[in-house]
Amino acid sequence: MKQYKIGYTTGVFDLFHIGHLNILKKAKEQCEYLIVGVSTDELVMKYKNKQPVIPFQERLEIVEGIKYVDAVVPQVDRDKFMAWKLLQFDVMFVGDDWKGKPLFVQVERQFAEVGVDIVYFPYTPGVSTTLVKEKVRM
């Protein structure tokens, strides 16, 4: 029996790499059912001001094909509490690069009120979509 019944994590998952796989694998190790929110192209443009290399539908299909993932949903906004209202997960998994950021300070407070945990995973060193893009440009 795993610690949590339903887990949730989100990401852009552009240029899928080992860091993405690590968070999904670690999340699935702790929950029976893992739901993954994949950011839409519009959402990425809104908060990162850049277009993903891989179109949304393809990123969605890539994440659906990962054996650790039980369900995939579009992430159309960054409101994690609204996602909880819709999906009713017990825990949210997040990279530790988000710890202490205003978005997650607020989410931690909201989740604490409804008994939802947040688990921060260590960021995979030396890999990111930005670094992959830089290597491709070389």
Protein backbone atom coordinates (compact mmCIF):
# COMPACT_ATOMS: atom_id res chain seq x y z
CA MET A 1 0.00 0.00 0.00
CA LYS A 2 1.37 3.37 -1.03
CA GLN A 3 1.28 6.48 1.15
CA TYR A 4 -1.25 8.33 -1.03
CA LYS A 5 -4.23 7.27 -3.10
CA ILE A 6 -4.32 10.02 -5.75
CA GLY A 7 -1.34 12.16 -6.69
CA TYR A 8 -1.09 15.15 -9.00
CA THR A 9 1.76 16.95 -10.70
CA THR A 10 2.00 19.42 -13.55
CA GLY A 11 4.46 20.63 -16.11
CA VAL A 12 5.07 21.82 -19.62
CA PHE A 13 6.99 18.62 -20.49
CA ASP A 14 8.54 20.26 -23.54
CA LEU A 15 11.52 18.36 -24.98
CA PHE A 16 10.86 15.50 -22.54
CA HIS A 17 14.05 14.66 -20.60
CA ILE A 18 15.28 12.63 -17.60
CA GLY A 19 14.25 15.33 -15.12
CA HIS A 20 10.65 14.98 -16.29
CA LEU A 21 10.85 11.20 -16.05
CA ASN A 22 12.36 11.39 -12.55
CA ILE A 23 9.50 13.45 -11.13
CA LEU A 24 6.88 11.15 -12.66
CA LYS A 25 8.63 8.01 -11.41
CA LYS A 26 9.13 9.39 -7.88
CA ALA A 27 5.52 10.58 -7.76
CA LYS A 28 4.16 7.19 -8.82
CA GLU A 29 6.27 5.49 -6.14
CA GLN A 30 4.21 7.36 -3.54
CA CYS A 31 0.67 7.16 -4.93
CA GLU A 32 -1.70 4.54 -6.30
CA TYR A 33 -3.02 6.77 -9.09
CA LEU A 34 -1.05 9.60 -10.71
CA ILE A 35 -2.74 12.43 -12.59
CA VAL A 36 -0.49 14.72 -14.64
CA GLY A 37 -1.49 18.19 -15.81
CA VAL A 38 0.21 19.21 -19.06
CA SER A 39 0.33 22.96 -19.65
CA THR A 40 -1.41 24.16 -22.79
CA ASP A 41 0.53 26.22 -25.32
CA GLU A 42 -1.60 29.25 -24.39
CA LEU A 43 -0.77 28.92 -20.70
CA VAL A 44 2.96 28.60 -21.41
CA MET A 45 2.85 31.74 -23.57
CA LYS A 46 0.98 33.57 -20.80
CA TYR A 47 3.46 32.92 -17.98
CA LYS A 48 6.74 32.09 -19.73
CA ASN A 49 6.22 34.31 -22.78
CA LYS A 50 7.54 31.62 -25.10
CA GLN A 51 6.06 28.97 -27.32
CA PRO A 52 6.88 25.32 -26.49
CA VAL A 53 8.91 23.50 -29.14
CA ILE A 54 6.59 20.49 -29.06
CA PRO A 55 2.88 21.31 -29.62
CA PHE A 56 0.47 20.70 -26.73
CA GLN A 57 -1.32 17.67 -28.22
CA GLU A 58 1.99 15.90 -28.85
CA ARG A 59 3.28 16.69 -25.32
CA LEU A 60 0.01 15.34 -23.95
CA GLU A 61 0.41 12.09 -25.89
CA ILE A 62 4.05 11.72 -24.82
CA VAL A 63 3.11 12.05 -21.13
CA GLU A 64 0.15 9.65 -21.61
CA GLY A 65 2.62 7.07 -22.91
CA ILE A 66 4.74 7.08 -19.74
CA LYS A 67 4.13 3.95 -17.67
CA TYR A 68 4.05 5.87 -14.37
CA VAL A 69 1.13 8.05 -15.49
CA ASP A 70 -2.46 6.95 -14.97
CA ALA A 71 -4.29 10.00 -16.35
CA VAL A 72 -3.39 13.20 -18.16
CA VAL A 73 -5.37 16.45 -18.09
CA PRO A 74 -4.80 19.80 -19.77
CA GLN A 75 -3.49 22.48 -17.42
CA VAL A 76 -5.22 25.63 -18.64
CA ASP A 77 -4.30 27.85 -15.70
CA ARG A 78 -1.94 27.78 -12.73
CA ASP A 79 -4.65 27.62 -10.05
CA LYS A 80 -3.66 24.46 -8.17
CA PHE A 81 -6.52 24.78 -5.69
CA MET A 82 -9.06 24.81 -8.53
CA ALA A 83 -7.34 21.70 -9.92
CA TRP A 84 -7.79 20.04 -6.51
CA LYS A 85 -11.49 20.96 -6.49
CA LEU A 86 -11.89 19.22 -9.85
CA LEU A 87 -9.60 16.22 -9.33
CA GLN A 88 -9.72 15.62 -5.55
CA PHE A 89 -6.09 14.45 -5.20
CA ASP A 90 -4.47 13.72 -1.82
CA VAL A 91 -1.03 15.05 -2.68
CA MET A 92 0.66 17.31 -5.17
CA PHE A 93 4.23 16.62 -6.30
CA VAL A 94 6.41 19.57 -7.25
CA GLY A 95 10.06 20.19 -8.08
CA ASP A 96 11.88 21.87 -5.20
CA ASP A 97 12.80 24.79 -7.45
CA TRP A 98 9.23 26.01 -6.73
CA LYS A 99 9.53 25.85 -2.93
CA GLY A 100 9.13 29.27 -1.37
CA LYS A 101 7.84 30.90 -4.58
CA PRO A 102 4.72 33.05 -4.01
CA LEU A 103 2.49 30.71 -6.04
CA PHE A 104 3.34 27.74 -3.81
CA VAL A 105 3.37 29.61 -0.52
CA GLN A 106 -0.30 30.38 -1.19
CA VAL A 107 -1.02 26.83 -2.43
CA GLU A 108 0.57 25.33 0.70
CA ARG A 109 -1.79 27.39 2.87
CA GLN A 110 -4.86 26.43 0.84
CA PHE A 111 -3.96 22.74 0.73
CA ALA A 112 -3.23 22.65 4.48
CA GLU A 113 -6.82 23.76 5.11
CA VAL A 114 -8.22 20.77 3.18
CA GLY A 115 -5.65 18.14 4.21
CA VAL A 116 -3.73 17.92 0.92
CA ASP A 117 0.03 17.40 1.15
CA ILE A 118 2.69 18.92 -1.09
CA VAL A 119 5.82 16.84 -1.66
CA TYR A 120 8.83 18.66 -3.11
CA PHE A 121 11.26 16.54 -5.09
CA PRO A 122 14.88 17.55 -5.63
CA TYR A 123 15.44 19.16 -9.01
CA THR A 124 17.47 16.88 -11.31
CA PRO A 125 20.86 18.63 -11.52
CA GLY A 126 22.33 19.50 -14.88
CA VAL A 127 19.19 19.05 -16.96
CA SER A 128 16.35 21.31 -18.02
CA THR A 129 14.47 22.09 -21.19
CA THR A 130 16.40 25.37 -21.40
CA LEU A 131 19.72 23.48 -21.27
CA VAL A 132 18.52 21.01 -23.91
CA LYS A 133 17.62 23.94 -26.18
CA GLU A 134 21.06 25.51 -25.63
CA LYS A 135 22.81 22.25 -26.53
CA VAL A 136 20.76 21.94 -29.71
CA ARG A 137 21.79 25.48 -30.74
CA MET A 138 25.51 24.62 -30.44
